[in-house]
Amino acid sequence: MNRPIHFEKLGIIGVGLLGGAVGLAIRKNELASTVIGIGRDKTKLATAQSLGCLDEFTTDLEQGIAGCELAIIALPVKQILEIIPQIASIVDPGCIVTDVGSTKKGIVEAADARFPSDRFFVGSHPMAGSEKSGVENAPLVRFEGMTAFVTVTDQTDRDAAARVALLWKCLDMVPVMLHPVRHDFYAALMSHLPHVTACVLANVAAEAPDDINFVRQLAGRGFRDATRMASGNPALWGDICLENRENLAACIDRAIDELRKIKSALEGNDRSRLEALLENAAAFRKQLD
């Protein structure tokens, strides 16, 4: 097979849903001779190996990462921030380290401050998550056509960034390079705001006076689709939202402004104003397709 990129040893630190899915896709596309999973739970790591996500695994971080040409940190944002200093001190010279965290500014700043000049950190965010969790669901994750953000700053090694972007491209993703600050703004707008909005809708429905069985019967596909993300891991999403709290709070303010416009049109029985707001939203949504 003619591969545009290949690694002899590639490590995945944290083999849950996304880490497992990345390992599975890398092995399927033969982008590494050895994919090693690194984690704390041998049972989960063994499950990942049985699913084809890994060639081998270890619970020893230093042992697992030794000799890696590329290491992917597939942990929640808070844990990525905690482990960066340790990884920066033990990776081999020339190793490229990336991550899959859904916020980037804090992670990239932490890495830029810790990584020696001969080890390279490039922040990533493959937009291929799910409300599901656990490596057992890794085979359900699809990368084809999805965006993979690759962040660059003045300190980012451009060759390392290009190799990380090529990795995601080889998984049939669309790599987009941008600054971590700009990434976090768009992540708040396109990912974090929809999640908290889904939670708001679910919380409002949860206050309905009828019992859950009756509400379940009334919940059509539209409501279920709109609230799907609300079933995501609360602790994980709490960390994500707090890490990107300034951008998310600003987006929530804008959402409140839009709700107030619609409320004002309703209270004023202003059909033309209401239809204009709905038409603007419909036109934008059609452009996305």
C-alpha atoms as a PDB file:
ATOM      1  CA  MET A   1       0.000   0.000   0.000  1.00  0.00           C
ATOM      2  CA  ASN A   2       1.301   3.465  -0.935  1.00  0.00           C
ATOM      3  CA  ARG A   3       0.987   5.468   2.275  1.00  0.00           C
ATOM      4  CA  PRO A   4       1.679   9.241   2.314  1.00  0.00           C
ATOM      5  CA  ILE A   5       2.580   8.986   6.014  1.00  0.00           C
ATOM      6  CA  HIS A   6       3.703   6.125   8.228  1.00  0.00           C
ATOM      7  CA  PHE A   7       4.999   5.734  11.778  1.00  0.00           C
ATOM      8  CA  GLU A   8       6.964   2.797  13.122  1.00  0.00           C
ATOM      9  CA  LYS A   9       5.554   3.230  16.633  1.00  0.00           C
ATOM     10  CA  LEU A  10       2.520   5.323  17.491  1.00  0.00           C
ATOM     11  CA  GLY A  11       1.194   5.694  21.028  1.00  0.00           C
ATOM     12  CA  ILE A  12      -2.363   6.492  22.106  1.00  0.00           C
ATOM     13  CA  ILE A  13      -2.649   7.745  25.661  1.00  0.00           C
ATOM     14  CA  GLY A  14      -6.183   7.095  26.834  1.00  0.00           C
ATOM     15  CA  VAL A  15      -8.061   4.450  24.892  1.00  0.00           C
ATOM     16  CA  GLY A  16     -11.710   5.328  25.328  1.00  0.00           C
ATOM     17  CA  LEU A  17     -14.248   6.122  22.619  1.00  0.00           C
ATOM     18  CA  LEU A  18     -12.172   8.517  20.535  1.00  0.00           C
ATOM     19  CA  GLY A  19      -8.755   7.071  21.342  1.00  0.00           C
ATOM     20  CA  GLY A  20     -10.012   3.620  20.400  1.00  0.00           C
ATOM     21  CA  ALA A  21     -11.611   4.922  17.205  1.00  0.00           C
ATOM     22  CA  VAL A  22      -8.402   6.681  16.169  1.00  0.00           C
ATOM     23  CA  GLY A  23      -6.363   3.545  16.810  1.00  0.00           C
ATOM     24  CA  LEU A  24      -8.820   1.432  14.844  1.00  0.00           C
ATOM     25  CA  ALA A  25      -8.704   3.807  11.868  1.00  0.00           C
ATOM     26  CA  ILE A  26      -4.906   4.091  11.935  1.00  0.00           C
ATOM     27  CA  ARG A  27      -4.525   0.309  11.940  1.00  0.00           C
ATOM     28  CA  LYS A  28      -7.147  -0.104   9.206  1.00  0.00           C
ATOM     29  CA  ASN A  29      -5.263   2.353   7.004  1.00  0.00           C
ATOM     30  CA  GLU A  30      -1.884   0.835   7.922  1.00  0.00           C
ATOM     31  CA  LEU A  31      -0.432   4.171   9.020  1.00  0.00           C
ATOM     32  CA  ALA A  32       1.720   2.647  11.773  1.00  0.00           C
ATOM     33  CA  SER A  33       3.686  -0.559  12.212  1.00  0.00           C
ATOM     34  CA  THR A  34       2.784  -0.677  15.900  1.00  0.00           C
ATOM     35  CA  VAL A  35      -0.063   1.097  17.697  1.00  0.00           C
ATOM     36  CA  ILE A  36       0.384   0.912  21.450  1.00  0.00           C
ATOM     37  CA  GLY A  37      -2.344   1.894  23.879  1.00  0.00           C
ATOM     38  CA  ILE A  38      -1.374   3.473  27.180  1.00  0.00           C
ATOM     39  CA  GLY A  39      -3.806   3.669  30.083  1.00  0.00           C
ATOM     40  CA  ARG A  40      -4.581   2.683  33.657  1.00  0.00           C
ATOM     41  CA  ASP A  41      -7.173  -0.063  33.234  1.00  0.00           C
ATOM     42  CA  LYS A  42      -5.817  -3.321  31.798  1.00  0.00           C
ATOM     43  CA  THR A  43      -9.319  -4.673  31.224  1.00  0.00           C
ATOM     44  CA  LYS A  44     -10.313  -1.709  29.065  1.00  0.00           C
ATOM     45  CA  LEU A  45      -7.008  -1.823  27.215  1.00  0.00           C
ATOM     46  CA  ALA A  46      -7.505  -5.533  26.543  1.00  0.00           C
ATOM     47  CA  THR A  47     -10.989  -4.769  25.218  1.00  0.00           C
ATOM     48  CA  ALA A  48      -9.512  -2.148  22.895  1.00  0.00           C
ATOM     49  CA  GLN A  49      -6.974  -4.671  21.629  1.00  0.00           C
ATOM     50  CA  SER A  50      -9.656  -7.299  21.053  1.00  0.00           C
ATOM     51  CA  LEU A  51     -11.625  -4.788  18.977  1.00  0.00           C
ATOM     52  CA  GLY A  52      -8.610  -4.175  16.749  1.00  0.00           C
ATOM     53  CA  CYS A  53      -7.812  -0.694  18.101  1.00  0.00           C
ATOM     54  CA  LEU A  54      -4.312  -1.629  19.312  1.00  0.00           C
ATOM     55  CA  ASP A  55      -1.417  -3.932  18.545  1.00  0.00           C
ATOM     56  CA  GLU A  56      -0.285  -3.912  22.168  1.00  0.00           C
ATOM     57  CA  PHE A  57      -0.839  -2.011  25.408  1.00  0.00           C
ATOM     58  CA  THR A  58       0.780  -1.039  28.683  1.00  0.00           C
ATOM     59  CA  THR A  59      -0.103   0.768  31.903  1.00  0.00           C
ATOM     60  CA  ASP A  60       3.420   2.247  32.116  1.00  0.00           C
ATOM     61  CA  LEU A  61       3.393   5.688  30.470  1.00  0.00           C
ATOM     62  CA  GLU A  62       7.154   6.043  30.178  1.00  0.00           C
ATOM     63  CA  GLN A  63       7.595   2.556  28.773  1.00  0.00           C
ATOM     64  CA  GLY A  64       4.722   2.963  26.344  1.00  0.00           C
ATOM     65  CA  ILE A  65       5.781   6.311  24.977  1.00  0.00           C
ATOM     66  CA  ALA A  66       9.453   5.377  24.578  1.00  0.00           C
ATOM     67  CA  GLY A  67      10.364   5.131  20.911  1.00  0.00           C
ATOM     68  CA  CYS A  68       7.124   6.664  19.671  1.00  0.00           C
ATOM     69  CA  GLU A  69       7.375   8.859  16.605  1.00  0.00           C
ATOM     70  CA  LEU A  70       3.887  10.168  17.309  1.00  0.00           C
ATOM     71  CA  ALA A  71       1.877  10.172  20.534  1.00  0.00           C
ATOM     72  CA  ILE A  72      -1.819  11.065  20.639  1.00  0.00           C
ATOM     73  CA  ILE A  73      -3.293  12.173  23.966  1.00  0.00           C
ATOM     74  CA  ALA A  74      -6.926  11.019  23.867  1.00  0.00           C
ATOM     75  CA  LEU A  75      -7.999  12.102  27.344  1.00  0.00           C
ATOM     76  CA  PRO A  76     -10.556  14.614  28.672  1.00  0.00           C
ATOM     77  CA  VAL A  77      -9.350  18.229  28.589  1.00  0.00           C
ATOM     78  CA  LYS A  78      -8.641  18.427  32.319  1.00  0.00           C
ATOM     79  CA  GLN A  79      -6.521  15.264  32.221  1.00  0.00           C
ATOM     80  CA  ILE A  80      -4.649  16.474  29.133  1.00  0.00           C
ATOM     81  CA  LEU A  81      -3.622  19.593  31.024  1.00  0.00           C
ATOM     82  CA  GLU A  82      -2.491  17.480  33.967  1.00  0.00           C
ATOM     83  CA  ILE A  83      -0.406  15.030  31.933  1.00  0.00           C
ATOM     84  CA  ILE A  84       1.346  17.449  29.559  1.00  0.00           C
ATOM     85  CA  PRO A  85       4.246  18.280  31.946  1.00  0.00           C
ATOM     86  CA  GLN A  86       4.969  14.588  32.456  1.00  0.00           C
ATOM     87  CA  ILE A  87       4.823  13.750  28.760  1.00  0.00           C
ATOM     88  CA  ALA A  88       7.029  16.714  27.850  1.00  0.00           C
ATOM     89  CA  SER A  89       9.746  15.362  30.142  1.00  0.00           C
ATOM     90  CA  ILE A  90       9.792  11.767  28.843  1.00  0.00           C
ATOM     91  CA  VAL A  91       9.128  11.768  25.081  1.00  0.00           C
ATOM     92  CA  ASP A  92      12.057  11.027  22.816  1.00  0.00           C
ATOM     93  CA  PRO A  93      13.732  13.807  20.818  1.00  0.00           C
ATOM     94  CA  GLY A  94      11.942  14.259  17.514  1.00  0.00           C
ATOM     95  CA  CYS A  95       8.643  12.865  18.792  1.00  0.00           C
ATOM     96  CA  ILE A  96       5.469  14.657  17.768  1.00  0.00           C
ATOM     97  CA  VAL A  97       2.698  14.840  20.361  1.00  0.00           C
ATOM     98  CA  THR A  98      -0.865  15.810  19.547  1.00  0.00           C
ATOM     99  CA  ASP A  99      -4.193  15.548  21.361  1.00  0.00           C
ATOM    100  CA  VAL A 100      -7.916  15.339  20.675  1.00  0.00           C
ATOM    101  CA  GLY A 101      -9.163  17.881  23.235  1.00  0.00           C
ATOM    102  CA  SER A 102     -12.172  19.993  22.330  1.00  0.00           C
ATOM    103  CA  THR A 103     -10.599  23.180  23.696  1.00  0.00           C
ATOM    104  CA  LYS A 104      -7.168  24.276  22.584  1.00  0.00           C
ATOM    105  CA  LYS A 105      -5.886  27.569  24.032  1.00  0.00           C
ATOM    106  CA  GLY A 106      -5.047  26.288  27.534  1.00  0.00           C
ATOM    107  CA  ILE A 107      -3.654  22.983  26.245  1.00  0.00           C
ATOM    108  CA  VAL A 108      -1.410  24.573  23.623  1.00  0.00           C
ATOM    109  CA  GLU A 109      -0.158  27.237  26.041  1.00  0.00           C
ATOM    110  CA  ALA A 110       0.712  24.555  28.603  1.00  0.00           C
ATOM    111  CA  ALA A 111       2.551  22.486  25.990  1.00  0.00           C
ATOM    112  CA  ASP A 112       4.398  25.457  24.480  1.00  0.00           C
ATOM    113  CA  ALA A 113       5.679  26.315  27.965  1.00  0.00           C
ATOM    114  CA  ARG A 114       6.863  22.759  28.711  1.00  0.00           C
ATOM    115  CA  PHE A 115       8.055  21.055  25.544  1.00  0.00           C
ATOM    116  CA  PRO A 116      11.783  21.263  24.729  1.00  0.00           C
ATOM    117  CA  SER A 117      12.708  22.605  21.307  1.00  0.00           C
ATOM    118  CA  ASP A 118      13.525  19.130  19.965  1.00  0.00           C
ATOM    119  CA  ARG A 119      10.123  17.651  20.931  1.00  0.00           C
ATOM    120  CA  PHE A 120       7.026  18.914  19.138  1.00  0.00           C
ATOM    121  CA  PHE A 121       3.481  19.522  20.329  1.00  0.00           C
ATOM    122  CA  VAL A 122       0.684  20.220  17.850  1.00  0.00           C
ATOM    123  CA  GLY A 123      -2.842  20.670  19.171  1.00  0.00           C
ATOM    124  CA  SER A 124      -5.633  18.800  17.378  1.00  0.00           C
ATOM    125  CA  HIS A 125      -9.399  18.519  17.639  1.00  0.00           C
ATOM    126  CA  PRO A 126     -10.960  15.889  15.380  1.00  0.00           C
ATOM    127  CA  MET A 127     -14.679  16.664  15.247  1.00  0.00           C
ATOM    128  CA  ALA A 128     -15.790  13.066  15.474  1.00  0.00           C
ATOM    129  CA  GLY A 129     -17.136  12.780  18.980  1.00  0.00           C
ATOM    130  CA  SER A 130     -20.397  11.257  20.152  1.00  0.00           C
ATOM    131  CA  GLU A 131     -22.746  11.366  23.091  1.00  0.00           C
ATOM    132  CA  LYS A 132     -21.741   7.744  23.612  1.00  0.00           C
ATOM    133  CA  SER A 133     -18.677   6.752  25.614  1.00  0.00           C
ATOM    134  CA  GLY A 134     -16.394   3.785  26.124  1.00  0.00           C
ATOM    135  CA  VAL A 135     -14.023   1.976  23.795  1.00  0.00           C
ATOM    136  CA  GLU A 136     -16.696  -0.616  23.043  1.00  0.00           C
ATOM    137  CA  ASN A 137     -18.409   2.080  20.944  1.00  0.00           C
ATOM    138  CA  ALA A 138     -15.218   2.990  19.054  1.00  0.00           C
ATOM    139  CA  PRO A 139     -16.210   1.012  15.920  1.00  0.00           C
ATOM    140  CA  LEU A 140     -19.286   3.272  15.594  1.00  0.00           C
ATOM    141  CA  VAL A 141     -17.221   6.466  15.229  1.00  0.00           C
ATOM    142  CA  ARG A 142     -16.920   7.791  11.681  1.00  0.00           C
ATOM    143  CA  PHE A 143     -14.183  10.171  10.523  1.00  0.00           C
ATOM    144  CA  GLU A 144     -15.016  10.428   6.821  1.00  0.00           C
ATOM    145  CA  GLY A 145     -15.667  14.013   5.785  1.00  0.00           C
ATOM    146  CA  MET A 146     -15.449  15.385   9.321  1.00  0.00           C
ATOM    147  CA  THR A 147     -13.275  18.372  10.220  1.00  0.00           C
ATOM    148  CA  ALA A 148      -9.997  17.913  12.089  1.00  0.00           C
ATOM    149  CA  PHE A 149      -8.689  21.172  13.544  1.00  0.00           C
ATOM    150  CA  VAL A 150      -4.898  21.466  13.756  1.00  0.00           C
ATOM    151  CA  THR A 151      -3.721  24.463  15.766  1.00  0.00           C
ATOM    152  CA  VAL A 152      -0.656  26.548  15.018  1.00  0.00           C
ATOM    153  CA  THR A 153       1.046  29.341  16.965  1.00  0.00           C
ATOM    154  CA  ASP A 154       4.336  31.176  16.509  1.00  0.00           C
ATOM    155  CA  GLN A 155       5.995  28.348  18.461  1.00  0.00           C
ATOM    156  CA  THR A 156       4.482  25.483  16.473  1.00  0.00           C
ATOM    157  CA  ASP A 157       6.892  23.542  14.279  1.00  0.00           C
ATOM    158  CA  ARG A 158       5.389  23.749  10.799  1.00  0.00           C
ATOM    159  CA  ASP A 159       6.727  20.379   9.633  1.00  0.00           C
ATOM    160  CA  ALA A 160       5.238  18.682  12.713  1.00  0.00           C
ATOM    161  CA  ALA A 161       1.911  20.458  12.129  1.00  0.00           C
ATOM    162  CA  ALA A 162       1.906  19.328   8.493  1.00  0.00           C
ATOM    163  CA  ARG A 163       2.476  15.700   9.532  1.00  0.00           C
ATOM    164  CA  VAL A 164      -0.361  15.845  12.054  1.00  0.00           C
ATOM    165  CA  ALA A 165      -2.663  17.378   9.427  1.00  0.00           C
ATOM    166  CA  LEU A 166      -1.667  14.633   6.978  1.00  0.00           C
ATOM    167  CA  LEU A 167      -2.471  11.972   9.574  1.00  0.00           C
ATOM    168  CA  TRP A 168      -6.052  13.252   9.890  1.00  0.00           C
ATOM    169  CA  LYS A 169      -6.320  13.572   6.116  1.00  0.00           C
ATOM    170  CA  CYS A 170      -5.292   9.905   5.775  1.00  0.00           C
ATOM    171  CA  LEU A 171      -8.277   9.083   8.011  1.00  0.00           C
ATOM    172  CA  ASP A 172     -10.480  10.808   5.413  1.00  0.00           C
ATOM    173  CA  MET A 173     -10.953  13.881   7.583  1.00  0.00           C
ATOM    174  CA  VAL A 174     -10.677  17.497   6.392  1.00  0.00           C
ATOM    175  CA  PRO A 175      -7.773  19.181   8.236  1.00  0.00           C
ATOM    176  CA  VAL A 176      -8.205  22.886   9.024  1.00  0.00           C
ATOM    177  CA  MET A 177      -5.286  24.825  10.482  1.00  0.00           C
ATOM    178  CA  LEU A 178      -5.977  27.804  12.734  1.00  0.00           C
ATOM    179  CA  HIS A 179      -4.843  29.548  15.907  1.00  0.00           C
ATOM    180  CA  PRO A 180      -5.972  28.030  19.240  1.00  0.00           C
ATOM    181  CA  VAL A 181      -7.839  31.205  20.241  1.00  0.00           C
ATOM    182  CA  ARG A 182      -9.827  31.191  17.025  1.00  0.00           C
ATOM    183  CA  HIS A 183     -10.487  27.477  17.429  1.00  0.00           C
ATOM    184  CA  ASP A 184     -11.964  27.953  20.893  1.00  0.00           C
ATOM    185  CA  PHE A 185     -14.326  30.664  19.645  1.00  0.00           C
ATOM    186  CA  TYR A 186     -15.711  28.394  16.933  1.00  0.00           C
ATOM    187  CA  ALA A 187     -15.774  25.382  19.250  1.00  0.00           C
ATOM    188  CA  ALA A 188     -17.965  27.384  21.633  1.00  0.00           C
ATOM    189  CA  LEU A 189     -20.235  28.480  18.785  1.00  0.00           C
ATOM    190  CA  MET A 190     -20.546  25.195  16.894  1.00  0.00           C
ATOM    191  CA  SER A 191     -20.145  22.570  19.620  1.00  0.00           C
ATOM    192  CA  HIS A 192     -20.376  23.850  23.183  1.00  0.00           C
ATOM    193  CA  LEU A 193     -23.373  26.175  22.685  1.00  0.00           C
ATOM    194  CA  PRO A 194     -25.413  23.428  20.949  1.00  0.00           C
ATOM    195  CA  HIS A 195     -24.620  21.096  23.838  1.00  0.00           C
ATOM    196  CA  VAL A 196     -25.795  23.472  26.563  1.00  0.00           C
ATOM    197  CA  THR A 197     -28.798  24.426  24.422  1.00  0.00           C
ATOM    198  CA  ALA A 198     -29.751  20.738  24.221  1.00  0.00           C
ATOM    199  CA  CYS A 199     -29.435  20.598  28.001  1.00  0.00           C
ATOM    200  CA  VAL A 200     -31.703  23.638  28.376  1.00  0.00           C
ATOM    201  CA  LEU A 201     -34.375  22.036  26.182  1.00  0.00           C
ATOM    202  CA  ALA A 202     -34.122  18.782  28.133  1.00  0.00           C
ATOM    203  CA  ASN A 203     -34.351  20.594  31.473  1.00  0.00           C
ATOM    204  CA  VAL A 204     -37.413  22.561  30.345  1.00  0.00           C
ATOM    205  CA  ALA A 205     -39.131  19.355  29.199  1.00  0.00           C
ATOM    206  CA  ALA A 206     -38.157  17.646  32.461  1.00  0.00           C
ATOM    207  CA  GLU A 207     -40.354  20.191  34.278  1.00  0.00           C
ATOM    208  CA  ALA A 208     -43.473  19.122  32.355  1.00  0.00           C
ATOM    209  CA  PRO A 209     -46.308  18.267  34.775  1.00  0.00           C
ATOM    210  CA  ASP A 210     -47.017  14.826  33.279  1.00  0.00           C
ATOM    211  CA  ASP A 211     -45.092  11.655  34.015  1.00  0.00           C
ATOM    212  CA  ILE A 212     -42.111  10.577  31.915  1.00  0.00           C
ATOM    213  CA  ASN A 213     -44.014   7.828  30.083  1.00  0.00           C
ATOM    214  CA  PHE A 214     -46.495  10.356  28.697  1.00  0.00           C
ATOM    215  CA  VAL A 215     -43.739  12.836  27.823  1.00  0.00           C
ATOM    216  CA  ARG A 216     -41.810  10.056  26.074  1.00  0.00           C
ATOM    217  CA  GLN A 217     -44.798   9.344  23.855  1.00  0.00           C
ATOM    218  CA  LEU A 218     -45.015  13.005  22.857  1.00  0.00           C
ATOM    219  CA  ALA A 219     -41.292  13.449  22.179  1.00  0.00           C
ATOM    220  CA  GLY A 220     -41.015  13.324  18.407  1.00  0.00           C
ATOM    221  CA  ARG A 221     -37.920  12.952  16.266  1.00  0.00           C
ATOM    222  CA  GLY A 222     -37.286  16.695  16.157  1.00  0.00           C
ATOM    223  CA  PHE A 223     -37.140  16.993  19.937  1.00  0.00           C
ATOM    224  CA  ARG A 224     -35.051  13.860  20.254  1.00  0.00           C
ATOM    225  CA  ASP A 225     -32.574  15.093  17.627  1.00  0.00           C
ATOM    226  CA  ALA A 226     -32.378  18.535  19.226  1.00  0.00           C
ATOM    227  CA  THR A 227     -31.652  17.103  22.669  1.00  0.00           C
ATOM    228  CA  ARG A 228     -29.419  14.169  21.676  1.00  0.00           C
ATOM    229  CA  MET A 229     -26.254  15.864  22.922  1.00  0.00           C
ATOM    230  CA  ALA A 230     -27.750  16.391  26.372  1.00  0.00           C
ATOM    231  CA  SER A 231     -27.090  12.716  27.099  1.00  0.00           C
ATOM    232  CA  GLY A 232     -23.319  13.290  26.988  1.00  0.00           C
ATOM    233  CA  ASN A 233     -21.130  12.740  30.052  1.00  0.00           C
ATOM    234  CA  PRO A 234     -21.920  15.608  32.496  1.00  0.00           C
ATOM    235  CA  ALA A 235     -18.483  15.588  34.163  1.00  0.00           C
ATOM    236  CA  LEU A 236     -16.663  15.598  30.835  1.00  0.00           C
ATOM    237  CA  TRP A 237     -18.811  18.380  29.429  1.00  0.00           C
ATOM    238  CA  GLY A 238     -18.550  20.354  32.655  1.00  0.00           C
ATOM    239  CA  ASP A 239     -14.761  20.453  32.228  1.00  0.00           C
ATOM    240  CA  ILE A 240     -15.067  21.412  28.559  1.00  0.00           C
ATOM    241  CA  CYS A 241     -17.513  24.242  29.241  1.00  0.00           C
ATOM    242  CA  LEU A 242     -15.482  25.641  32.140  1.00  0.00           C
ATOM    243  CA  GLU A 243     -12.245  25.519  30.163  1.00  0.00           C
ATOM    244  CA  ASN A 244     -13.914  27.558  27.389  1.00  0.00           C
ATOM    245  CA  ARG A 245     -16.187  29.546  29.693  1.00  0.00           C
ATOM    246  CA  GLU A 246     -15.517  33.044  28.334  1.00  0.00           C
ATOM    247  CA  ASN A 247     -16.281  32.116  24.733  1.00  0.00           C
ATOM    248  CA  LEU A 248     -19.262  29.997  25.744  1.00  0.00           C
ATOM    249  CA  ALA A 249     -20.711  32.711  27.987  1.00  0.00           C
ATOM    250  CA  ALA A 250     -20.474  35.205  25.100  1.00  0.00           C
ATOM    251  CA  CYS A 251     -22.252  32.753  22.786  1.00  0.00           C
ATOM    252  CA  ILE A 252     -24.979  32.185  25.391  1.00  0.00           C
ATOM    253  CA  ASP A 253     -25.494  35.968  25.570  1.00  0.00           C
ATOM    254  CA  ARG A 254     -26.013  36.039  21.801  1.00  0.00           C
ATOM    255  CA  ALA A 255     -28.436  33.117  22.015  1.00  0.00           C
ATOM    256  CA  ILE A 256     -30.407  34.922  24.725  1.00  0.00           C
ATOM    257  CA  ASP A 257     -30.553  38.019  22.496  1.00  0.00           C
ATOM    258  CA  GLU A 258     -32.033  35.932  19.672  1.00  0.00           C
ATOM    259  CA  LEU A 259     -34.577  34.337  21.999  1.00  0.00           C
ATOM    260  CA  ARG A 260     -35.594  37.786  23.198  1.00  0.00           C
ATOM    261  CA  LYS A 261     -36.167  38.901  19.603  1.00  0.00           C
ATOM    262  CA  ILE A 262     -38.478  35.951  19.022  1.00  0.00           C
ATOM    263  CA  LYS A 263     -40.222  36.512  22.350  1.00  0.00           C
ATOM    264  CA  SER A 264     -40.742  40.179  21.519  1.00  0.00           C
ATOM    265  CA  ALA A 265     -42.260  39.289  18.136  1.00  0.00           C
ATOM    266  CA  LEU A 266     -44.609  36.813  19.825  1.00  0.00           C
ATOM    267  CA  GLU A 267     -45.685  39.256  22.523  1.00  0.00           C
ATOM    268  CA  GLY A 268     -46.296  41.940  19.902  1.00  0.00           C
ATOM    269  CA  ASN A 269     -48.156  39.553  17.599  1.00  0.00           C
ATOM    270  CA  ASP A 270     -45.665  40.714  14.943  1.00  0.00           C
ATOM    271  CA  ARG A 271     -45.889  38.094  12.198  1.00  0.00           C
ATOM    272  CA  SER A 272     -43.568  39.876   9.763  1.00  0.00           C
ATOM    273  CA  ARG A 273     -40.816  40.203  12.388  1.00  0.00           C
ATOM    274  CA  LEU A 274     -41.221  36.594  13.495  1.00  0.00           C
ATOM    275  CA  GLU A 275     -41.125  35.271   9.923  1.00  0.00           C
ATOM    276  CA  ALA A 276     -38.038  37.375   9.178  1.00  0.00           C
ATOM    277  CA  LEU A 277     -36.203  35.804  12.116  1.00  0.00           C
ATOM    278  CA  LEU A 278     -37.273  32.303  11.098  1.00  0.00           C
ATOM    279  CA  GLU A 279     -36.399  32.948   7.439  1.00  0.00           C
ATOM    280  CA  ASN A 280     -32.926  34.202   8.371  1.00  0.00           C
ATOM    281  CA  ALA A 281     -32.291  31.006  10.335  1.00  0.00           C
ATOM    282  CA  ALA A 282     -33.666  28.794   7.542  1.00  0.00           C
ATOM    283  CA  ALA A 283     -31.508  30.520   4.909  1.00  0.00           C
ATOM    284  CA  PHE A 284     -28.354  30.103   6.966  1.00  0.00           C
ATOM    285  CA  ARG A 285     -29.108  26.435   7.676  1.00  0.00           C
ATOM    286  CA  LYS A 286     -29.614  25.741   3.957  1.00  0.00           C
ATOM    287  CA  GLN A 287     -26.192  27.257   3.224  1.00  0.00           C
ATOM    288  CA  LEU A 288     -24.594  24.680   5.528  1.00  0.00           C
ATOM    289  CA  ASP A 289     -25.857  21.900   3.264  1.00  0.00           C
END
